[in-house]
Protein backbone atom coordinates (compact mmCIF):
# COMPACT_ATOMS: atom_id res chain seq x y z
CA MET A 1 -9.37 17.24 12.78
CA SER A 2 -7.22 14.37 13.50
CA LYS A 3 -5.65 12.59 10.80
CA ASN A 4 -6.18 8.80 10.85
CA ALA A 5 -5.28 6.01 8.64
CA VAL A 6 -7.53 2.70 7.56
CA TYR A 7 -5.75 -0.46 6.62
CA CYS A 8 -6.91 -4.17 5.22
CA ILE A 9 -5.79 -7.09 3.70
CA ALA A 10 -7.34 -8.31 0.21
CA GLN A 11 -6.71 -11.69 -0.80
CA GLU A 12 -7.06 -10.92 -4.61
CA HIS A 13 -5.74 -8.32 -7.04
CA THR A 14 -9.09 -8.17 -8.29
CA GLN A 15 -10.71 -7.71 -4.82
CA ALA A 16 -7.94 -4.90 -4.10
CA GLU A 17 -9.10 -3.59 -7.76
CA VAL A 18 -12.97 -3.17 -6.75
CA ILE A 19 -11.68 -1.57 -3.16
CA VAL A 20 -9.02 0.90 -4.85
CA ASN A 21 -12.31 1.81 -7.59
CA SER A 22 -14.33 2.21 -4.84
CA LEU A 23 -12.13 4.76 -2.59
CA LYS A 24 -12.09 6.70 -6.06
CA ASP A 25 -15.45 6.78 -6.48
CA ALA A 26 -15.91 8.03 -2.68
CA GLY A 27 -14.10 10.79 -3.64
CA PHE A 28 -10.82 9.86 -1.78
CA SER A 29 -7.78 10.94 -3.65
CA ASN A 30 -4.79 8.96 -5.36
CA ASN A 31 -2.19 10.77 -3.12
CA ASP A 32 -4.37 9.09 0.15
CA ILE A 33 -4.45 5.25 -0.62
CA SER A 34 -1.36 3.26 -0.52
CA VAL A 35 -1.33 -0.39 -2.01
CA LEU A 36 1.58 -2.83 -1.16
CA PHE A 37 1.71 -6.71 -2.62
CA PRO A 38 4.87 -8.81 -3.35
CA ASP A 39 5.79 -9.08 -7.21
CA LYS A 40 5.85 -12.55 -7.98
CA THR A 41 5.24 -14.41 -11.13
CA GLY A 42 1.70 -12.80 -12.85
CA THR A 43 2.27 -9.55 -10.99
CA ARG A 44 3.82 -8.18 -14.29
CA ASP A 45 0.12 -8.38 -15.75
CA PHE A 46 0.24 -4.81 -14.05
CA ALA A 47 3.06 -3.66 -15.74
CA HIS A 48 3.18 -1.59 -19.03
CA GLU A 49 5.98 0.40 -19.27
CA GLN A 50 9.45 0.13 -16.91
CA ASN A 51 11.55 3.00 -15.97
CA THR A 52 13.00 3.71 -12.61
CA LYS A 53 10.88 6.24 -10.17
CA MET A 54 13.53 6.50 -7.24
CA PRO A 55 16.31 8.58 -7.97
CA GLU A 56 17.68 6.65 -4.45
CA GLY A 57 18.14 3.14 -6.33
CA ALA A 58 15.43 1.55 -3.77
CA ALA A 59 12.91 1.28 -6.61
CA THR A 60 14.42 -1.42 -9.26
CA GLY A 61 11.48 -0.59 -11.77
CA GLY A 62 8.66 1.62 -12.02
CA VAL A 63 4.92 0.08 -13.10
CA ALA A 64 1.92 1.60 -15.14
CA GLY A 65 -1.38 0.03 -15.26
CA MET A 66 -2.87 -1.33 -18.20
CA GLY A 67 -5.76 -3.29 -18.85
CA THR A 68 -6.67 -5.16 -15.21
CA GLY A 69 -4.36 -3.53 -13.68
CA ALA A 70 -5.72 0.24 -14.95
CA VAL A 71 -6.72 0.70 -11.62
CA LEU A 72 -4.05 0.70 -9.54
CA GLY A 73 -2.15 2.20 -12.09
CA TRP A 74 -4.47 5.37 -11.01
CA LEU A 75 -1.97 5.75 -7.75
CA VAL A 76 0.77 8.04 -6.98
CA GLY A 77 4.46 6.40 -7.19
CA ILE A 78 3.65 3.19 -8.09
CA GLY A 79 6.49 1.01 -8.69
CA SER A 80 8.69 -1.96 -7.66
CA LEU A 81 11.00 -1.65 -5.19
CA ALA A 82 13.39 -4.16 -3.71
CA ILE A 83 13.99 -4.63 0.03
CA PRO A 84 16.94 -6.57 1.45
CA GLY A 85 16.89 -9.80 2.52
CA VAL A 86 13.12 -8.84 2.04
CA GLY A 87 12.30 -9.58 -1.74
CA PRO A 88 10.19 -7.77 -4.35
CA PHE A 89 7.32 -5.87 -4.43
CA ILE A 90 5.00 -3.24 -5.72
CA ALA A 91 4.11 -0.58 -4.26
CA ALA A 92 2.41 2.93 -4.80
CA GLY A 93 0.70 5.94 -2.61
CA PRO A 94 2.54 7.35 0.92
CA ILE A 95 3.68 3.57 1.41
CA MET A 96 6.39 3.72 -1.71
CA ALA A 97 7.99 6.47 0.48
CA ALA A 98 8.30 5.01 3.49
CA LEU A 99 9.39 1.63 2.56
CA GLY A 100 11.59 3.59 -0.07
CA GLY A 101 13.50 4.82 3.05
CA ALA A 102 13.29 1.32 4.21
CA ALA A 103 15.22 0.08 1.35
CA ILE A 104 18.01 2.36 0.97
CA GLY A 105 18.39 2.34 4.50
CA GLY A 106 18.91 -1.66 4.15
CA ALA A 107 16.72 -1.62 7.46
CA ALA A 108 16.41 -5.57 8.41
CA GLY A 109 12.73 -6.07 8.23
CA GLY A 110 12.12 -3.28 5.87
CA ILE A 111 8.20 -4.07 5.45
CA VAL A 112 7.46 -3.46 9.17
CA GLY A 113 9.98 -0.35 9.86
CA GLY A 114 7.63 1.44 6.95
CA LEU A 115 4.87 0.24 8.02
CA VAL A 116 5.63 2.01 12.19
CA GLY A 117 7.23 4.35 10.45
CA MET A 118 3.07 5.37 8.65
CA GLY A 119 2.11 5.19 12.46
CA ILE A 120 0.47 1.27 12.62
CA PRO A 121 1.45 -0.36 15.99
CA GLU A 122 4.56 -2.05 15.53
CA LEU A 123 2.28 -5.54 16.81
CA GLU A 124 -0.35 -5.15 13.46
CA ALA A 125 3.03 -4.52 11.14
CA LYS A 126 4.17 -8.01 11.62
CA GLN A 127 1.01 -9.09 11.10
CA TYR A 128 0.56 -7.32 7.64
CA ASP A 129 4.22 -7.95 7.09
CA ASP A 130 3.19 -11.81 7.49
CA LYS A 131 0.05 -11.38 5.10
CA VAL A 132 2.00 -9.46 2.39
CA ARG A 133 4.88 -11.83 2.43
CA ASN A 134 2.63 -14.71 1.70
CA GLY A 135 0.73 -13.21 -1.27
CA ASN A 136 -1.85 -10.97 0.35
CA ILE A 137 -2.35 -6.89 -0.76
CA LEU A 138 -2.03 -4.40 1.92
CA ILE A 139 -4.30 -1.52 1.26
CA SER A 140 -3.93 1.78 3.67
CA VAL A 141 -6.20 4.98 3.41
CA HIS A 142 -5.35 8.45 4.74
CA THR A 143 -8.55 10.42 6.17
CA GLU A 144 -9.19 13.47 7.67
CA SER A 145 -12.46 12.32 9.73
CA SER A 146 -14.52 10.04 11.61
CA ASP A 147 -16.90 10.02 8.69
CA GLN A 148 -14.03 9.15 6.34
CA VAL A 149 -13.05 6.52 8.67
CA LYS A 150 -16.94 5.49 8.71
CA VAL A 151 -16.59 4.94 4.85
CA VAL A 152 -13.36 3.61 4.05
CA LYS A 153 -14.28 0.81 6.71
CA GLU A 154 -17.78 0.12 4.98
CA ILE A 155 -15.83 -0.24 1.35
CA PHE A 156 -13.72 -2.63 3.05
CA GLU A 157 -16.69 -4.32 4.46
CA ARG A 158 -18.32 -4.57 1.47
CA ALA A 159 -15.24 -6.13 -0.64
CA ASN A 160 -15.05 -8.79 1.86
CA ALA A 161 -11.16 -6.93 3.01
CA GLN A 162 -10.09 -8.79 5.90
CA ASP A 163 -7.98 -7.56 9.21
CA ILE A 164 -9.69 -3.86 9.55
CA LYS A 165 -8.21 -1.58 11.30
CA SER A 166 -8.09 1.89 12.03
CA THR A 167 -5.23 3.86 14.24
CA SER A 168 -4.87 8.08 14.39
CA GLU A 169 -1.60 9.12 12.48
CA ALA A 170 -0.66 11.98 15.13
CA HIS A 171 2.42 10.17 16.04
CA ALA A 172 4.01 9.26 12.68
CA PRO A 173 6.79 11.01 11.26
CA THR A 174 6.07 13.01 8.51
């Protein structure tokens, strides 16, 4: 059984919440779903409680969802992190650790490096980086089978997500 990841871009927080809720309803674990978006004015609507989630110092504050953001609050390790030269972002799921390492290392192009580290091809990682920096939301789901890949893609398509792609995680570092 090979592991795969399926990615998409959501244009709005409400669209991202619909996608995450649909993934949850389809039985995907909160450990398998990652979300990344810029921490701009208005994203504090997702914030309820401030505390550090990463002792390494890459995280500038944690976020627990309430109200509209409760669906995203269900995700593991949601928090705010500052990537040097890039700015503040809200991240949740496995992507938090990948980007946290990039932030700690002060890596230039930290988002691209983190995404490549998760198994996304560099060209696609650069495209996702540009879209996220422009206010879109990246959603990633780790899957265990081709049937799960199909289910995730259908959920993304029903929600009118953009740039839906999948990749094998066999080459991604653990």
